[in-house]
């Protein structure tokens, strides 16, 4: 990790809500931003922020997410997702996250990620796969 990874750094990403990001179970007229897609976009924005402050061979993995998806966003509307580092404790990073569409805030919460050494993570995963009979 670089010394630049510290509380207060932030990143905002913008998405236009396309069909792939919407629910389909309430019909075409009620296609809105799906909560699992919002979660994915929060994770991606948070990871992208941390990647700017990772060293060579490092990445991050999500380990906890808690957020409220408080308002519906229709198909075609733009959403801004902002991730802000709240704390850094060793390799554990807690981020405050918020999402806003063109009208209102649609989500707010916290996301925790760990900075990992990609090669070591690969070794641990291969050992687990072997122990579990899938490797």
N, C-alpha and C. Protein backbone atom coordinates (compact mmCIF):
# COMPACT_ATOMS: atom_id res chain seq x y z
N UNK A 1 0.83 -1.19 0.00
CA UNK A 1 0.00 0.00 0.00
C UNK A 1 0.87 1.25 0.00
N UNK A 2 0.39 2.23 -0.67
CA UNK A 2 1.10 3.50 -0.70
C UNK A 2 0.71 4.34 0.51
N UNK A 3 1.57 5.26 0.89
CA UNK A 3 1.28 6.17 2.00
C UNK A 3 0.09 7.07 1.70
N UNK A 4 -0.27 7.18 0.44
CA UNK A 4 -1.39 8.05 0.05
C UNK A 4 -2.75 7.48 0.46
N UNK A 5 -2.80 6.20 0.85
CA UNK A 5 -4.06 5.60 1.29
C UNK A 5 -4.34 6.05 2.71
N UNK A 6 -5.26 6.99 2.85
CA UNK A 6 -5.56 7.56 4.17
C UNK A 6 -7.01 8.06 4.18
N UNK A 7 -7.57 8.22 5.38
CA UNK A 7 -8.95 8.72 5.48
C UNK A 7 -9.12 10.04 4.74
N UNK A 8 -10.29 10.16 4.13
CA UNK A 8 -10.64 11.40 3.45
C UNK A 8 -10.51 11.34 1.94
N UNK A 9 -9.70 10.42 1.41
CA UNK A 9 -9.61 10.35 -0.05
C UNK A 9 -10.93 9.84 -0.60
N UNK A 10 -11.26 10.26 -1.80
CA UNK A 10 -12.58 9.96 -2.34
C UNK A 10 -12.52 9.73 -3.85
N UNK A 11 -13.54 9.06 -4.35
CA UNK A 11 -13.68 8.84 -5.79
C UNK A 11 -15.17 8.80 -6.09
N UNK A 12 -15.54 9.42 -7.20
CA UNK A 12 -16.93 9.38 -7.66
C UNK A 12 -16.95 8.79 -9.06
N UNK A 13 -17.86 7.85 -9.27
CA UNK A 13 -18.06 7.25 -10.59
C UNK A 13 -19.51 7.47 -11.00
N UNK A 14 -19.71 7.63 -12.29
CA UNK A 14 -21.03 7.90 -12.83
C UNK A 14 -21.45 6.77 -13.76
N UNK A 15 -22.71 6.37 -13.65
CA UNK A 15 -23.29 5.34 -14.50
C UNK A 15 -24.65 5.80 -14.99
N UNK A 16 -24.98 5.46 -16.21
CA UNK A 16 -26.34 5.62 -16.70
C UNK A 16 -27.00 4.26 -16.50
N UNK A 17 -28.17 4.25 -15.89
CA UNK A 17 -28.82 2.98 -15.57
C UNK A 17 -29.38 2.37 -16.85
N UNK A 18 -28.71 1.30 -17.28
CA UNK A 18 -29.11 0.58 -18.49
C UNK A 18 -29.96 -0.63 -18.10
N UNK A 19 -30.49 -1.32 -19.08
CA UNK A 19 -31.38 -2.47 -18.83
C UNK A 19 -30.71 -3.53 -17.96
N UNK A 20 -29.42 -3.77 -18.16
CA UNK A 20 -28.73 -4.81 -17.39
C UNK A 20 -28.68 -4.48 -15.90
N UNK A 21 -28.82 -3.22 -15.55
CA UNK A 21 -28.77 -2.81 -14.14
C UNK A 21 -30.16 -2.73 -13.50
N UNK A 22 -31.19 -3.12 -14.22
CA UNK A 22 -32.56 -2.96 -13.69
C UNK A 22 -33.22 -4.29 -13.37
N UNK A 23 -34.27 -4.20 -12.54
CA UNK A 23 -35.11 -5.36 -12.27
C UNK A 23 -36.07 -5.53 -13.45
N UNK A 24 -36.56 -6.76 -13.62
CA UNK A 24 -37.51 -7.00 -14.70
C UNK A 24 -38.82 -7.62 -14.20
N UNK A 25 -38.90 -7.93 -12.92
CA UNK A 25 -40.04 -8.69 -12.41
C UNK A 25 -41.31 -7.88 -12.17
N UNK A 26 -41.26 -6.56 -12.32
CA UNK A 26 -42.47 -5.75 -12.18
C UNK A 26 -42.93 -5.17 -13.51
N UNK A 27 -42.35 -5.66 -14.61
CA UNK A 27 -42.77 -5.22 -15.92
C UNK A 27 -41.91 -4.10 -16.48
N UNK A 28 -42.08 -3.85 -17.77
CA UNK A 28 -41.26 -2.88 -18.49
C UNK A 28 -41.41 -1.45 -17.97
N UNK A 29 -42.58 -1.09 -17.51
CA UNK A 29 -42.81 0.28 -17.03
C UNK A 29 -42.18 0.55 -15.67
N UNK A 30 -41.78 -0.49 -14.98
CA UNK A 30 -41.19 -0.33 -13.65
C UNK A 30 -39.77 -0.88 -13.59
N UNK A 31 -39.03 -0.69 -14.66
CA UNK A 31 -37.62 -1.08 -14.65
C UNK A 31 -36.85 -0.04 -13.85
N UNK A 32 -36.32 -0.46 -12.69
CA UNK A 32 -35.57 0.42 -11.81
C UNK A 32 -34.24 -0.24 -11.44
N UNK A 33 -33.30 0.56 -10.99
CA UNK A 33 -31.97 0.12 -10.58
C UNK A 33 -32.11 -0.99 -9.55
N UNK A 34 -31.56 -2.14 -9.86
CA UNK A 34 -31.64 -3.30 -8.98
C UNK A 34 -30.61 -3.18 -7.85
N UNK A 35 -31.02 -3.54 -6.65
CA UNK A 35 -30.12 -3.46 -5.50
C UNK A 35 -28.83 -4.26 -5.70
N UNK A 36 -28.87 -5.49 -6.23
CA UNK A 36 -27.61 -6.20 -6.45
C UNK A 36 -26.67 -5.49 -7.42
N UNK A 37 -27.23 -4.80 -8.41
CA UNK A 37 -26.41 -4.04 -9.36
C UNK A 37 -25.82 -2.80 -8.70
N UNK A 38 -26.60 -2.15 -7.84
CA UNK A 38 -26.09 -1.02 -7.07
C UNK A 38 -24.94 -1.48 -6.20
N UNK A 39 -25.09 -2.62 -5.55
CA UNK A 39 -24.02 -3.17 -4.72
C UNK A 39 -22.76 -3.42 -5.55
N UNK A 40 -22.92 -4.01 -6.72
CA UNK A 40 -21.76 -4.25 -7.60
C UNK A 40 -21.09 -2.93 -7.97
N UNK A 41 -21.88 -1.92 -8.30
CA UNK A 41 -21.30 -0.63 -8.67
C UNK A 41 -20.60 0.03 -7.48
N UNK A 42 -21.13 -0.14 -6.28
CA UNK A 42 -20.46 0.37 -5.07
C UNK A 42 -19.12 -0.34 -4.88
N UNK A 43 -19.11 -1.66 -5.04
CA UNK A 43 -17.86 -2.41 -4.88
C UNK A 43 -16.83 -1.98 -5.92
N UNK A 44 -17.25 -1.82 -7.16
CA UNK A 44 -16.32 -1.43 -8.22
C UNK A 44 -15.75 -0.03 -7.96
N UNK A 45 -16.59 0.91 -7.58
CA UNK A 45 -16.11 2.27 -7.29
C UNK A 45 -15.12 2.25 -6.13
N UNK A 46 -15.43 1.47 -5.10
CA UNK A 46 -14.54 1.38 -3.93
C UNK A 46 -13.22 0.73 -4.32
N UNK A 47 -13.27 -0.35 -5.09
CA UNK A 47 -12.04 -1.01 -5.54
C UNK A 47 -11.21 -0.07 -6.40
N UNK A 48 -11.85 0.64 -7.31
CA UNK A 48 -11.11 1.56 -8.18
C UNK A 48 -10.41 2.65 -7.37
N UNK A 49 -11.06 3.14 -6.33
CA UNK A 49 -10.42 4.12 -5.45
C UNK A 49 -9.18 3.52 -4.81
N UNK A 50 -9.31 2.32 -4.26
CA UNK A 50 -8.17 1.71 -3.58
C UNK A 50 -7.04 1.34 -4.53
N UNK A 51 -7.37 0.94 -5.75
CA UNK A 51 -6.33 0.58 -6.72
C UNK A 51 -5.37 1.74 -6.97
N UNK A 52 -5.87 2.96 -6.88
CA UNK A 52 -5.03 4.14 -7.08
C UNK A 52 -3.95 4.24 -5.99
N UNK A 53 -4.16 3.53 -4.88
CA UNK A 53 -3.26 3.64 -3.73
C UNK A 53 -2.64 2.31 -3.34
N UNK A 54 -2.78 1.31 -4.21
CA UNK A 54 -2.16 -0.01 -4.00
C UNK A 54 -0.78 -0.04 -4.65
N UNK A 55 0.07 -0.86 -4.09
CA UNK A 55 1.38 -1.08 -4.69
C UNK A 55 1.31 -2.13 -5.78
N UNK A 56 2.42 -2.38 -6.45
CA UNK A 56 2.47 -3.42 -7.47
C UNK A 56 2.09 -4.78 -6.87
N UNK A 57 1.26 -5.53 -7.58
CA UNK A 57 0.87 -6.84 -7.12
C UNK A 57 -0.21 -6.85 -6.06
N UNK A 58 -0.76 -5.68 -5.74
CA UNK A 58 -1.82 -5.59 -4.73
C UNK A 58 -3.17 -5.29 -5.39
N UNK A 59 -4.21 -5.70 -4.72
CA UNK A 59 -5.58 -5.41 -5.12
C UNK A 59 -6.39 -5.39 -3.83
N UNK A 60 -7.70 -5.33 -3.94
CA UNK A 60 -8.51 -5.37 -2.72
C UNK A 60 -9.71 -6.28 -2.95
N UNK A 61 -10.19 -6.85 -1.84
CA UNK A 61 -11.38 -7.69 -1.89
C UNK A 61 -12.38 -7.16 -0.86
N UNK A 62 -13.64 -7.24 -1.21
CA UNK A 62 -14.69 -6.81 -0.30
C UNK A 62 -14.99 -7.88 0.73
N UNK A 63 -15.20 -7.44 1.98
CA UNK A 63 -15.50 -8.40 3.05
C UNK A 63 -16.77 -8.03 3.82
N UNK A 64 -17.27 -6.83 3.65
CA UNK A 64 -18.50 -6.43 4.35
C UNK A 64 -19.12 -5.25 3.62
N UNK A 65 -20.45 -5.30 3.51
CA UNK A 65 -21.20 -4.18 2.94
C UNK A 65 -22.47 -4.02 3.76
N UNK A 66 -22.75 -2.79 4.12
CA UNK A 66 -24.00 -2.47 4.80
C UNK A 66 -24.48 -1.14 4.22
N UNK A 67 -25.63 -1.17 3.56
CA UNK A 67 -26.15 0.06 3.00
C UNK A 67 -27.66 -0.01 2.87
N UNK A 68 -28.26 1.15 2.83
CA UNK A 68 -29.69 1.28 2.59
C UNK A 68 -29.90 1.77 1.17
N UNK A 69 -30.73 1.05 0.43
CA UNK A 69 -31.13 1.46 -0.91
C UNK A 69 -32.49 2.12 -0.73
N UNK A 70 -32.51 3.44 -0.64
CA UNK A 70 -33.66 4.17 -0.12
C UNK A 70 -34.58 4.79 -1.17
N UNK A 71 -34.19 4.77 -2.44
CA UNK A 71 -35.04 5.38 -3.47
C UNK A 71 -34.82 4.68 -4.80
N UNK A 72 -35.90 4.63 -5.57
CA UNK A 72 -35.86 3.98 -6.89
C UNK A 72 -35.28 4.93 -7.94
N UNK A 73 -34.51 4.36 -8.86
CA UNK A 73 -33.95 5.12 -9.98
C UNK A 73 -34.40 4.46 -11.27
N UNK A 74 -35.07 5.20 -12.16
CA UNK A 74 -35.58 4.61 -13.39
C UNK A 74 -34.50 4.36 -14.44
N UNK A 75 -34.82 3.45 -15.33
CA UNK A 75 -34.00 3.15 -16.49
C UNK A 75 -33.64 4.44 -17.21
N UNK A 76 -32.36 4.60 -17.56
CA UNK A 76 -31.91 5.76 -18.33
C UNK A 76 -31.40 6.93 -17.51
N UNK A 77 -31.64 6.93 -16.20
CA UNK A 77 -31.20 8.04 -15.36
C UNK A 77 -29.74 7.84 -14.95
N UNK A 78 -29.03 8.94 -14.77
CA UNK A 78 -27.64 8.91 -14.34
C UNK A 78 -27.55 8.79 -12.82
N UNK A 79 -26.58 8.00 -12.35
CA UNK A 79 -26.31 7.84 -10.93
C UNK A 79 -24.84 8.12 -10.67
N UNK A 80 -24.55 8.84 -9.58
CA UNK A 80 -23.18 9.09 -9.13
C UNK A 80 -22.96 8.33 -7.83
N UNK A 81 -21.92 7.52 -7.82
CA UNK A 81 -21.55 6.76 -6.62
C UNK A 81 -20.24 7.31 -6.10
N UNK A 82 -20.23 7.67 -4.82
CA UNK A 82 -19.03 8.23 -4.19
C UNK A 82 -18.58 7.31 -3.07
N UNK A 83 -17.30 6.97 -3.10
CA UNK A 83 -16.66 6.18 -2.04
C UNK A 83 -15.60 7.06 -1.39
N UNK A 84 -15.61 7.09 -0.07
CA UNK A 84 -14.66 7.89 0.70
C UNK A 84 -14.04 7.03 1.78
N UNK A 85 -12.72 7.02 1.86
CA UNK A 85 -12.05 6.24 2.89
C UNK A 85 -12.36 6.85 4.25
N UNK A 86 -12.95 6.04 5.14
CA UNK A 86 -13.27 6.47 6.50
C UNK A 86 -12.15 6.11 7.47
N UNK A 87 -11.55 4.92 7.27
CA UNK A 87 -10.46 4.50 8.16
C UNK A 87 -9.59 3.47 7.47
N UNK A 88 -8.33 3.45 7.88
CA UNK A 88 -7.35 2.47 7.40
C UNK A 88 -6.71 1.86 8.63
N UNK A 89 -6.89 0.55 8.79
CA UNK A 89 -6.32 -0.18 9.92
C UNK A 89 -5.50 -1.33 9.35
N UNK A 90 -4.21 -1.10 9.16
CA UNK A 90 -3.39 -2.11 8.48
C UNK A 90 -3.88 -2.26 7.06
N UNK A 91 -4.25 -3.48 6.68
CA UNK A 91 -4.76 -3.74 5.33
C UNK A 91 -6.27 -3.63 5.23
N UNK A 92 -6.94 -3.38 6.35
CA UNK A 92 -8.40 -3.24 6.39
C UNK A 92 -8.76 -1.78 6.15
N UNK A 93 -9.63 -1.57 5.15
CA UNK A 93 -10.04 -0.21 4.79
C UNK A 93 -11.57 -0.15 4.84
N UNK A 94 -12.08 0.82 5.60
CA UNK A 94 -13.52 1.04 5.68
C UNK A 94 -13.84 2.28 4.87
N UNK A 95 -14.86 2.17 4.02
CA UNK A 95 -15.26 3.27 3.15
C UNK A 95 -16.71 3.66 3.42
N UNK A 96 -16.96 4.95 3.45
CA UNK A 96 -18.33 5.45 3.45
C UNK A 96 -18.73 5.55 1.99
N UNK A 97 -19.93 5.08 1.67
CA UNK A 97 -20.40 5.10 0.29
C UNK A 97 -21.76 5.78 0.21
N UNK A 98 -21.98 6.48 -0.89
CA UNK A 98 -23.27 7.13 -1.12
C UNK A 98 -23.54 7.13 -2.62
N UNK A 99 -24.81 7.04 -2.98
CA UNK A 99 -25.22 7.08 -4.38
C UNK A 99 -26.36 8.08 -4.51
N UNK A 100 -26.33 8.80 -5.62
CA UNK A 100 -27.31 9.85 -5.86
C UNK A 100 -27.70 9.83 -7.33
N UNK A 101 -28.99 9.89 -7.61
CA UNK A 101 -29.42 10.03 -9.00
C UNK A 101 -29.67 11.51 -9.28
N UNK A 102 -30.29 11.83 -10.38
CA UNK A 102 -30.49 13.23 -10.77
C UNK A 102 -31.46 13.97 -9.85
N UNK A 103 -32.19 13.24 -9.02
CA UNK A 103 -33.22 13.86 -8.18
C UNK A 103 -32.88 13.82 -6.69
N UNK A 104 -32.32 12.69 -6.21
CA UNK A 104 -32.15 12.51 -4.77
C UNK A 104 -31.08 11.48 -4.44
N UNK A 105 -30.73 11.43 -3.16
CA UNK A 105 -29.85 10.37 -2.69
C UNK A 105 -30.63 9.06 -2.75
N UNK A 106 -29.99 8.02 -3.27
CA UNK A 106 -30.68 6.73 -3.40
C UNK A 106 -30.08 5.65 -2.50
N UNK A 107 -28.86 5.90 -1.98
CA UNK A 107 -28.24 4.89 -1.12
C UNK A 107 -27.15 5.53 -0.28
N UNK A 108 -26.93 4.93 0.90
CA UNK A 108 -25.86 5.37 1.80
C UNK A 108 -25.48 4.19 2.67
N UNK A 109 -24.17 4.05 2.94
CA UNK A 109 -23.74 2.96 3.80
C UNK A 109 -22.24 2.89 3.97
N UNK A 110 -21.77 1.68 4.33
CA UNK A 110 -20.35 1.42 4.57
C UNK A 110 -19.93 0.16 3.85
N UNK A 111 -18.68 0.17 3.42
CA UNK A 111 -18.11 -0.99 2.72
C UNK A 111 -16.71 -1.21 3.25
N UNK A 112 -16.40 -2.43 3.64
CA UNK A 112 -15.07 -2.78 4.14
C UNK A 112 -14.36 -3.65 3.12
N UNK A 113 -13.10 -3.32 2.85
CA UNK A 113 -12.28 -4.08 1.92
C UNK A 113 -10.93 -4.35 2.56
N UNK A 114 -10.26 -5.41 2.12
CA UNK A 114 -8.90 -5.72 2.55
C UNK A 114 -7.97 -5.62 1.35
N UNK A 115 -6.83 -5.01 1.57
CA UNK A 115 -5.78 -4.96 0.56
C UNK A 115 -5.07 -6.31 0.60
N UNK A 116 -4.95 -6.96 -0.55
CA UNK A 116 -4.33 -8.28 -0.61
C UNK A 116 -3.16 -8.29 -1.59
N UNK A 117 -2.23 -9.18 -1.32
CA UNK A 117 -1.16 -9.50 -2.27
C UNK A 117 -1.76 -10.54 -3.21
N UNK A 118 -1.88 -10.22 -4.49
CA UNK A 118 -2.56 -11.08 -5.45
C UNK A 118 -1.90 -12.46 -5.55
N UNK A 119 -0.58 -12.52 -5.58
CA UNK A 119 0.11 -13.81 -5.69
C UNK A 119 -0.17 -14.68 -4.47
N UNK A 120 -0.08 -14.11 -3.28
CA UNK A 120 -0.35 -14.88 -2.05
C UNK A 120 -1.80 -15.33 -1.99
N UNK A 121 -2.71 -14.46 -2.41
CA UNK A 121 -4.13 -14.83 -2.42
C UNK A 121 -4.36 -16.00 -3.38
N UNK A 122 -3.67 -15.99 -4.51
CA UNK A 122 -3.78 -17.08 -5.47
C UNK A 122 -3.27 -18.39 -4.89
N UNK A 123 -2.18 -18.32 -4.15
CA UNK A 123 -1.64 -19.52 -3.52
C UNK A 123 -2.60 -20.09 -2.48
N UNK A 124 -3.17 -19.22 -1.66
CA UNK A 124 -4.14 -19.68 -0.63
C UNK A 124 -5.37 -20.30 -1.28
N UNK A 125 -5.86 -19.70 -2.35
CA UNK A 125 -7.02 -20.22 -3.03
C UNK A 125 -6.73 -21.57 -3.68
N UNK A 126 -5.56 -21.70 -4.29
CA UNK A 126 -5.19 -22.99 -4.91
C UNK A 126 -5.08 -24.07 -3.85
N UNK A 127 -4.50 -23.75 -2.69
CA UNK A 127 -4.40 -24.74 -1.61
C UNK A 127 -5.77 -25.14 -1.10
N UNK A 128 -6.68 -24.20 -0.99
CA UNK A 128 -8.04 -24.51 -0.53
C UNK A 128 -8.76 -25.37 -1.55
N UNK A 129 -8.61 -25.03 -2.83
CA UNK A 129 -9.25 -25.82 -3.90
C UNK A 129 -8.73 -27.26 -3.88
N UNK A 130 -7.42 -27.42 -3.68
CA UNK A 130 -6.84 -28.76 -3.61
C UNK A 130 -7.37 -29.52 -2.41
N UNK A 131 -7.46 -28.86 -1.26
CA UNK A 131 -7.95 -29.51 -0.05
C UNK A 131 -9.43 -29.87 -0.18
N UNK A 132 -10.16 -29.09 -0.94
CA UNK A 132 -11.59 -29.34 -1.13
C UNK A 132 -11.90 -30.22 -2.31
N UNK A 133 -10.87 -30.69 -2.99
CA UNK A 133 -11.08 -31.61 -4.11
C UNK A 133 -11.52 -30.96 -5.40
N UNK A 134 -11.35 -29.64 -5.50
CA UNK A 134 -11.74 -28.98 -6.74
C UNK A 134 -10.54 -28.47 -7.52
N UNK A 135 -9.33 -28.71 -6.99
CA UNK A 135 -8.13 -28.17 -7.63
C UNK A 135 -7.37 -29.13 -8.33
